[in-house]
Amino acid sequence: MNQPANNHTPLGVYVHWPYCARICPYCDFNIYKNKTIDAARWIDALTRDLEHWAARTPNRKLASLYFGGGTPSLAPLGVIDAVIRAC
């Protein structure tokens, strides 16, 4: 996308939390087992990415927010809160 989108179609955002307590044998996702997480750095990077895409799609409103992974339920509460606030 080189130019901002001019349509008003609602957007859905998928947030990938790539961390798990264990790796399931059938999983094909980008995941990491028992990795130390710098939550502040992760939040900062994701917030910058969301701000970038919000500027590229100024006429579009967020209709849905999906968390996947990995195991997003393992994310610290502050991470989920920061993502919701950034959206």
Protein backbone atom coordinates (compact mmCIF):
# COMPACT_ATOMS: atom_id res chain seq x y z
CA MET A 1 0.00 0.00 0.00
CA ASN A 2 1.72 3.14 -1.20
CA GLN A 3 -1.29 5.44 -0.92
CA PRO A 4 -3.83 5.77 1.90
CA ALA A 5 -6.98 3.72 1.32
CA ASN A 6 -9.94 5.86 0.31
CA ASN A 7 -12.69 3.39 1.10
CA HIS A 8 -14.69 3.16 4.31
CA THR A 9 -14.76 -0.63 4.67
CA PRO A 10 -14.33 -1.58 8.35
CA LEU A 11 -11.08 -3.24 9.34
CA GLY A 12 -10.28 -6.30 11.40
CA VAL A 13 -6.96 -6.48 13.22
CA TYR A 14 -5.22 -9.74 14.10
CA VAL A 15 -2.62 -9.56 16.89
CA HIS A 16 -0.26 -12.53 16.99
CA TRP A 17 1.11 -13.42 20.43
CA PRO A 18 3.84 -15.92 19.48
CA TYR A 19 4.54 -17.42 22.91
CA CYS A 20 3.41 -20.76 24.33
CA ALA A 21 4.01 -22.86 27.42
CA ARG A 22 4.63 -25.81 25.09
CA ILE A 23 4.61 -26.39 21.35
CA CYS A 24 1.81 -28.61 20.09
CA PRO A 25 2.95 -31.22 17.53
CA TYR A 26 0.43 -30.03 14.91
CA CYS A 27 1.20 -26.30 15.19
CA ASP A 28 2.48 -24.50 12.07
CA PHE A 29 2.46 -21.00 13.56
CA ASN A 30 5.42 -18.77 14.36
CA ILE A 31 5.71 -19.53 18.09
CA TYR A 32 8.31 -19.68 20.85
CA LYS A 33 8.31 -21.89 23.93
CA ASN A 34 9.04 -20.44 27.38
CA LYS A 35 10.86 -17.41 26.02
CA THR A 36 11.55 -14.40 28.24
CA ILE A 37 9.37 -11.59 26.96
CA ASP A 38 10.17 -7.88 27.09
CA ALA A 39 6.52 -6.83 27.22
CA ALA A 40 7.29 -3.09 27.11
CA ARG A 41 9.33 -3.50 23.93
CA TRP A 42 6.67 -5.73 22.37
CA ILE A 43 3.93 -3.20 23.20
CA ASP A 44 6.01 -0.34 21.79
CA ALA A 45 6.65 -2.16 18.51
CA LEU A 46 3.03 -3.19 18.09
CA THR A 47 1.76 0.31 18.95
CA ARG A 48 4.06 1.84 16.32
CA ASP A 49 2.82 -0.69 13.76
CA LEU A 50 -0.83 0.05 14.59
CA GLU A 51 -0.19 3.81 14.33
CA HIS A 52 1.48 3.30 10.94
CA TRP A 53 -1.50 1.40 9.54
CA ALA A 54 -4.03 3.78 11.10
CA ALA A 55 -2.34 6.63 9.20
CA ARG A 56 -2.50 4.59 5.97
CA THR A 57 -6.22 3.86 6.37
CA PRO A 58 -7.66 7.11 7.77
CA ASN A 59 -11.25 6.56 6.63
CA ARG A 60 -11.60 3.05 8.00
CA LYS A 61 -12.86 2.15 11.45
CA LEU A 62 -11.86 -0.89 13.44
CA ALA A 63 -14.68 -3.43 13.52
CA SER A 64 -12.94 -6.37 15.18
CA LEU A 65 -9.81 -7.22 17.12
CA TYR A 66 -8.52 -10.79 17.16
CA PHE A 67 -5.83 -12.24 19.41
CA GLY A 68 -4.13 -15.43 18.30
CA GLY A 69 -0.87 -17.22 18.49
CA GLY A 70 0.64 -18.94 20.30
CA THR A 71 -1.27 -18.65 23.49
CA PRO A 72 -2.48 -15.06 23.92
CA SER A 73 -4.06 -15.94 27.26
CA LEU A 74 -0.48 -16.19 28.61
CA ALA A 75 0.20 -12.51 27.80
CA PRO A 76 0.47 -10.22 30.83
CA LEU A 77 -2.72 -8.20 31.40
CA GLY A 78 -0.88 -4.99 30.60
CA VAL A 79 -0.15 -6.24 27.10
CA ILE A 80 -3.79 -6.92 26.25
CA ASP A 81 -4.83 -3.59 27.77
CA ALA A 82 -2.19 -1.70 25.76
CA VAL A 83 -3.29 -3.34 22.51
CA ILE A 84 -6.94 -2.49 23.10
CA ARG A 85 -6.07 1.12 23.96
CA ALA A 86 -3.86 1.44 20.86
CA CYS A 87 -6.71 0.29 18.63
